[in-house]
Structures are given as structure tokens and as C-alpha cells.
N, C-alpha and C. Protein backbone atom coordinates (compact mmCIF):
# COMPACT_ATOMS: atom_id res chain seq x y z
N MET A 1 -8.17 -17.92 -4.70
CA MET A 1 -7.77 -18.25 -3.36
C MET A 1 -6.26 -18.05 -3.27
N ALA A 2 -5.83 -17.39 -2.21
CA ALA A 2 -4.41 -17.12 -2.03
C ALA A 2 -3.68 -18.38 -1.59
N LYS A 3 -2.48 -18.48 -2.12
CA LYS A 3 -1.60 -19.59 -1.75
C LYS A 3 -0.38 -18.98 -1.07
N LYS A 4 0.14 -19.68 -0.06
CA LYS A 4 1.26 -19.19 0.75
C LYS A 4 2.54 -19.86 0.29
N VAL A 5 3.63 -19.09 0.31
CA VAL A 5 4.97 -19.64 0.06
C VAL A 5 5.91 -18.98 1.05
N MET A 6 6.69 -19.77 1.73
CA MET A 6 7.65 -19.22 2.67
C MET A 6 8.83 -18.61 1.91
N MET A 7 9.30 -17.47 2.44
CA MET A 7 10.39 -16.76 1.78
C MET A 7 11.42 -16.39 2.86
N LYS A 8 12.70 -16.44 2.48
CA LYS A 8 13.76 -16.16 3.44
C LYS A 8 14.75 -15.20 2.85
N ASN A 9 15.18 -14.24 3.69
CA ASN A 9 16.24 -13.33 3.31
C ASN A 9 17.50 -13.80 4.04
N ASP A 10 18.41 -14.40 3.33
CA ASP A 10 19.60 -14.99 3.95
C ASP A 10 20.53 -13.93 4.56
N SER A 11 20.55 -12.72 3.97
CA SER A 11 21.47 -11.71 4.46
C SER A 11 21.07 -11.18 5.84
N ILE A 12 19.79 -11.17 6.15
CA ILE A 12 19.35 -10.67 7.48
C ILE A 12 18.71 -11.78 8.32
N GLY A 13 18.53 -12.95 7.72
CA GLY A 13 18.05 -14.11 8.48
C GLY A 13 16.57 -14.12 8.79
N LEU A 14 15.78 -13.28 8.14
CA LEU A 14 14.35 -13.24 8.38
C LEU A 14 13.59 -14.12 7.43
N THR A 15 12.49 -14.70 7.92
CA THR A 15 11.59 -15.50 7.10
C THR A 15 10.22 -14.84 7.12
N LYS A 16 9.61 -14.72 5.95
CA LYS A 16 8.28 -14.16 5.86
C LYS A 16 7.42 -15.03 4.93
N LYS A 17 6.12 -14.83 5.05
CA LYS A 17 5.22 -15.53 4.14
C LYS A 17 4.97 -14.66 2.93
N GLY A 18 5.15 -15.27 1.75
CA GLY A 18 4.76 -14.58 0.50
C GLY A 18 3.44 -15.22 0.06
N PHE A 19 2.73 -14.52 -0.77
CA PHE A 19 1.43 -14.99 -1.21
C PHE A 19 1.27 -14.78 -2.71
N HIS A 20 0.42 -15.58 -3.30
CA HIS A 20 0.02 -15.36 -4.71
C HIS A 20 -1.40 -15.84 -4.84
N GLY A 21 -2.12 -15.19 -5.76
CA GLY A 21 -3.53 -15.53 -5.96
C GLY A 21 -4.42 -14.46 -5.34
N PHE A 22 -5.72 -14.67 -5.46
CA PHE A 22 -6.74 -13.71 -4.98
C PHE A 22 -6.65 -13.57 -3.47
N SER A 23 -6.74 -12.34 -3.00
CA SER A 23 -6.64 -12.05 -1.56
C SER A 23 -8.00 -11.73 -0.97
N TRP A 24 -8.59 -12.72 -0.31
CA TRP A 24 -9.86 -12.47 0.40
C TRP A 24 -9.63 -11.53 1.55
N THR A 25 -8.47 -11.59 2.15
CA THR A 25 -8.15 -10.71 3.26
C THR A 25 -8.19 -9.26 2.79
N TYR A 26 -7.61 -8.97 1.65
CA TYR A 26 -7.63 -7.61 1.12
C TYR A 26 -9.05 -7.19 0.77
N LEU A 27 -9.84 -8.11 0.22
CA LEU A 27 -11.20 -7.77 -0.13
C LEU A 27 -11.98 -7.30 1.09
N PHE A 28 -11.79 -7.96 2.22
CA PHE A 28 -12.56 -7.59 3.42
C PHE A 28 -11.92 -6.48 4.24
N PHE A 29 -10.61 -6.39 4.27
CA PHE A 29 -9.93 -5.42 5.14
C PHE A 29 -9.19 -4.30 4.40
N GLY A 30 -9.10 -4.42 3.08
CA GLY A 30 -8.56 -3.34 2.27
C GLY A 30 -7.16 -2.87 2.67
N TRP A 31 -7.03 -1.58 2.79
CA TRP A 31 -5.75 -0.93 3.01
C TRP A 31 -5.08 -1.34 4.34
N LEU A 32 -5.83 -1.95 5.24
CA LEU A 32 -5.23 -2.39 6.50
C LEU A 32 -4.26 -3.56 6.29
N VAL A 33 -4.46 -4.35 5.26
CA VAL A 33 -3.61 -5.50 4.99
C VAL A 33 -2.13 -5.08 4.79
N PRO A 34 -1.87 -4.08 3.92
CA PRO A 34 -0.48 -3.66 3.79
C PRO A 34 0.10 -3.09 5.09
N VAL A 35 -0.73 -2.39 5.84
CA VAL A 35 -0.26 -1.82 7.12
C VAL A 35 0.15 -2.94 8.07
N VAL A 36 -0.66 -3.98 8.20
CA VAL A 36 -0.36 -5.10 9.09
C VAL A 36 0.89 -5.83 8.62
N ARG A 37 1.10 -5.92 7.32
CA ARG A 37 2.30 -6.57 6.78
C ARG A 37 3.53 -5.69 6.81
N GLY A 38 3.42 -4.50 7.37
CA GLY A 38 4.56 -3.60 7.52
C GLY A 38 4.80 -2.67 6.37
N GLU A 39 3.87 -2.56 5.46
CA GLU A 39 4.00 -1.65 4.32
C GLU A 39 3.12 -0.41 4.54
N ILE A 40 3.57 0.46 5.44
CA ILE A 40 2.78 1.61 5.84
C ILE A 40 2.51 2.55 4.68
N SER A 41 3.52 2.87 3.89
CA SER A 41 3.32 3.79 2.77
C SER A 41 2.39 3.22 1.70
N ILE A 42 2.48 1.93 1.45
CA ILE A 42 1.59 1.27 0.49
C ILE A 42 0.16 1.31 1.04
N GLY A 43 -0.01 1.03 2.32
CA GLY A 43 -1.34 1.10 2.93
C GLY A 43 -1.94 2.50 2.86
N ALA A 44 -1.13 3.52 3.08
CA ALA A 44 -1.61 4.91 2.99
C ALA A 44 -2.03 5.23 1.56
N LEU A 45 -1.22 4.78 0.59
CA LEU A 45 -1.56 5.02 -0.81
C LEU A 45 -2.87 4.32 -1.18
N HIS A 46 -3.04 3.08 -0.72
CA HIS A 46 -4.26 2.33 -1.01
C HIS A 46 -5.47 2.97 -0.33
N LEU A 47 -5.28 3.55 0.85
CA LEU A 47 -6.39 4.25 1.52
C LEU A 47 -6.82 5.43 0.69
N VAL A 48 -5.88 6.23 0.19
CA VAL A 48 -6.22 7.40 -0.62
C VAL A 48 -6.93 6.96 -1.89
N ILE A 49 -6.42 5.94 -2.56
CA ILE A 49 -7.04 5.43 -3.78
C ILE A 49 -8.45 4.91 -3.49
N SER A 50 -8.62 4.20 -2.38
CA SER A 50 -9.91 3.67 -2.00
C SER A 50 -10.92 4.77 -1.76
N VAL A 51 -10.50 5.84 -1.13
CA VAL A 51 -11.39 6.97 -0.87
C VAL A 51 -11.82 7.61 -2.19
N PHE A 52 -10.88 7.82 -3.11
CA PHE A 52 -11.20 8.49 -4.39
C PHE A 52 -12.03 7.60 -5.31
N THR A 53 -11.97 6.28 -5.13
CA THR A 53 -12.75 5.38 -6.00
C THR A 53 -13.98 4.81 -5.29
N ALA A 54 -14.29 5.36 -4.13
CA ALA A 54 -15.45 4.90 -3.34
C ALA A 54 -15.39 3.40 -3.04
N GLY A 55 -14.18 2.89 -2.83
CA GLY A 55 -14.00 1.49 -2.43
C GLY A 55 -13.90 0.51 -3.57
N ILE A 56 -14.15 0.94 -4.79
CA ILE A 56 -14.11 0.00 -5.93
C ILE A 56 -12.68 -0.55 -6.12
N SER A 57 -11.68 0.27 -5.82
CA SER A 57 -10.31 -0.18 -5.98
C SER A 57 -10.01 -1.39 -5.09
N GLN A 58 -10.73 -1.49 -3.97
CA GLN A 58 -10.50 -2.62 -3.07
C GLN A 58 -10.75 -3.97 -3.77
N LEU A 59 -11.76 -4.02 -4.62
CA LEU A 59 -12.02 -5.24 -5.38
C LEU A 59 -10.90 -5.51 -6.36
N ILE A 60 -10.44 -4.46 -7.04
CA ILE A 60 -9.36 -4.62 -8.02
C ILE A 60 -8.06 -5.05 -7.35
N PHE A 61 -7.70 -4.39 -6.24
CA PHE A 61 -6.47 -4.72 -5.54
C PHE A 61 -6.52 -6.12 -4.93
N SER A 62 -7.70 -6.67 -4.72
CA SER A 62 -7.80 -8.03 -4.21
C SER A 62 -7.17 -9.06 -5.16
N PHE A 63 -7.22 -8.73 -6.45
CA PHE A 63 -6.60 -9.59 -7.47
C PHE A 63 -5.11 -9.34 -7.61
N LEU A 64 -4.63 -8.14 -7.24
CA LEU A 64 -3.27 -7.73 -7.51
C LEU A 64 -2.33 -7.75 -6.31
N TYR A 65 -2.87 -7.49 -5.11
CA TYR A 65 -2.01 -7.16 -3.97
C TYR A 65 -1.03 -8.27 -3.59
N ASN A 66 -1.46 -9.52 -3.51
CA ASN A 66 -0.55 -10.59 -3.08
C ASN A 66 0.66 -10.72 -4.00
N LYS A 67 0.42 -10.63 -5.30
CA LYS A 67 1.51 -10.73 -6.26
C LYS A 67 2.48 -9.55 -6.10
N GLN A 68 1.93 -8.36 -5.95
CA GLN A 68 2.77 -7.16 -5.76
C GLN A 68 3.57 -7.25 -4.48
N TYR A 69 2.94 -7.69 -3.40
CA TYR A 69 3.62 -7.83 -2.13
C TYR A 69 4.80 -8.79 -2.23
N THR A 70 4.57 -9.93 -2.84
CA THR A 70 5.63 -10.95 -2.94
C THR A 70 6.75 -10.47 -3.86
N HIS A 71 6.41 -9.74 -4.92
CA HIS A 71 7.44 -9.16 -5.78
C HIS A 71 8.28 -8.16 -5.00
N ARG A 72 7.67 -7.37 -4.13
CA ARG A 72 8.46 -6.44 -3.30
C ARG A 72 9.36 -7.20 -2.35
N LEU A 73 8.92 -8.33 -1.81
CA LEU A 73 9.79 -9.15 -0.97
C LEU A 73 11.01 -9.63 -1.76
N ILE A 74 10.77 -10.07 -3.00
CA ILE A 74 11.86 -10.54 -3.85
C ILE A 74 12.85 -9.39 -4.10
N GLU A 75 12.32 -8.20 -4.36
CA GLU A 75 13.21 -7.03 -4.57
C GLU A 75 14.04 -6.69 -3.34
N LYS A 76 13.53 -7.03 -2.16
CA LYS A 76 14.26 -6.77 -0.93
C LYS A 76 15.23 -7.87 -0.58
N GLY A 77 15.35 -8.87 -1.43
CA GLY A 77 16.34 -9.94 -1.22
C GLY A 77 15.77 -11.24 -0.70
N TYR A 78 14.48 -11.37 -0.58
CA TYR A 78 13.88 -12.62 -0.14
C TYR A 78 13.85 -13.60 -1.30
N ARG A 79 14.04 -14.87 -0.98
CA ARG A 79 13.98 -15.95 -1.96
C ARG A 79 13.03 -17.01 -1.48
N PHE A 80 12.50 -17.80 -2.41
CA PHE A 80 11.59 -18.87 -2.05
C PHE A 80 12.29 -19.86 -1.14
N ALA A 81 11.64 -20.24 -0.04
CA ALA A 81 12.25 -21.16 0.91
C ALA A 81 11.23 -22.16 1.42
N ASP A 82 10.43 -22.66 0.50
CA ASP A 82 9.39 -23.60 0.84
C ASP A 82 9.74 -24.95 0.19
N THR A 83 8.79 -25.82 0.08
CA THR A 83 9.04 -27.09 -0.61
C THR A 83 9.31 -26.82 -2.08
N PRO A 84 10.02 -27.68 -2.75
CA PRO A 84 10.30 -27.45 -4.19
C PRO A 84 9.01 -27.29 -5.01
N GLU A 85 7.95 -28.02 -4.65
CA GLU A 85 6.68 -27.89 -5.40
C GLU A 85 6.06 -26.51 -5.19
N ASN A 86 6.04 -26.05 -3.92
CA ASN A 86 5.47 -24.72 -3.64
C ASN A 86 6.33 -23.61 -4.27
N ASN A 87 7.65 -23.79 -4.21
CA ASN A 87 8.53 -22.79 -4.84
C ASN A 87 8.26 -22.69 -6.33
N ALA A 88 8.15 -23.82 -7.01
CA ALA A 88 7.91 -23.83 -8.46
C ALA A 88 6.55 -23.24 -8.79
N ALA A 89 5.52 -23.60 -8.00
CA ALA A 89 4.16 -23.08 -8.26
C ALA A 89 4.15 -21.57 -8.04
N ALA A 90 4.79 -21.08 -6.99
CA ALA A 90 4.81 -19.64 -6.74
C ALA A 90 5.59 -18.89 -7.82
N ALA A 91 6.73 -19.44 -8.20
CA ALA A 91 7.52 -18.81 -9.26
C ALA A 91 6.75 -18.70 -10.55
N GLU A 92 6.01 -19.76 -10.89
CA GLU A 92 5.22 -19.75 -12.11
C GLU A 92 4.09 -18.73 -12.01
N ALA A 93 3.38 -18.71 -10.89
CA ALA A 93 2.26 -17.80 -10.71
C ALA A 93 2.70 -16.34 -10.69
N LEU A 94 3.90 -16.09 -10.16
CA LEU A 94 4.38 -14.71 -10.03
C LEU A 94 5.21 -14.28 -11.24
N GLY A 95 5.54 -15.21 -12.10
CA GLY A 95 6.39 -14.87 -13.25
C GLY A 95 7.80 -14.59 -12.79
N ALA A 96 8.24 -15.23 -11.73
CA ALA A 96 9.59 -15.04 -11.19
C ALA A 96 10.46 -16.21 -11.51
N ASP A 97 11.75 -16.00 -11.49
CA ASP A 97 12.70 -17.09 -11.73
C ASP A 97 13.12 -17.69 -10.41
N LEU A 98 13.26 -19.02 -10.41
CA LEU A 98 13.83 -19.67 -9.23
C LEU A 98 15.32 -19.47 -9.30
N PRO A 99 15.99 -19.18 -8.17
CA PRO A 99 17.43 -19.00 -8.20
C PRO A 99 18.13 -20.27 -8.68
N VAL A 100 19.27 -20.11 -9.30
CA VAL A 100 20.03 -21.26 -9.79
C VAL A 100 20.38 -22.13 -8.59
N GLY A 101 20.21 -23.42 -8.75
CA GLY A 101 20.50 -24.36 -7.67
C GLY A 101 19.28 -24.72 -6.86
N THR A 102 18.15 -24.06 -7.08
CA THR A 102 16.92 -24.40 -6.40
C THR A 102 16.15 -25.39 -7.25
N PRO A 103 15.97 -26.60 -6.78
CA PRO A 103 15.29 -27.59 -7.62
C PRO A 103 13.80 -27.22 -7.80
N ALA A 104 13.34 -27.34 -9.04
CA ALA A 104 11.94 -27.04 -9.32
C ALA A 104 11.05 -28.23 -9.01
N HIS A 105 11.62 -29.41 -8.97
CA HIS A 105 10.86 -30.63 -8.67
C HIS A 105 11.62 -31.48 -7.65
N ALA A 106 10.85 -32.17 -6.83
CA ALA A 106 11.51 -33.01 -5.83
C ALA A 106 12.07 -34.27 -6.42
């Protein structure tokens, strides 16, 4: 089951939802999920892969997509901006470091 963590990019002032865990949304809607989240090129790549694997990749990507999406947000400058508990859980699940000064526990 996917878990949500709020993420904020301080340099541009945008807030987005990051996710970790199994993506039921991706399982049912496949390559449309990256497109809706604004990742057009990733969605196109997933569509091509899905066609070549007769849809089997959709099951595999259901386990991987949320983590990959959130890692891409981190690479774009987004940082965890949720409760300390959610930040710590997301960082642990994603294998990411919490920025210095972000409390891991309340």
C-alpha cells in the first residue's frame, strides 16, 4: 500500500506529494500515472516497455514506480515537508537521508 509524504521545493515554493510503497494506481492505470504526475517522457517510456512486455511490466513497475518518482523529486530539489514521523518513515523506506536539522522524531 502506498504511503504519502508531502515534499516541498523551497527554491521555487512548490509542494508536491511524494509516495513510497506499492502503487495500486500504477497497477490499474499503468503508464498514465507518470503522465498525470507531469512525467511525460517517463510515461512514454513505460508505454513502450508495456507494449513490448504485453503488460507484464505494469505489475513490476507497481512495486517500483512510487520510489522512483519520489527519488526524482528529491533530485529536483524537493525535501520532506511532512510530520517528523512521516518524514522519517519515508526516508527509511526510500533509503534517503533526512536533511540536517530535520528532526527524525517529534
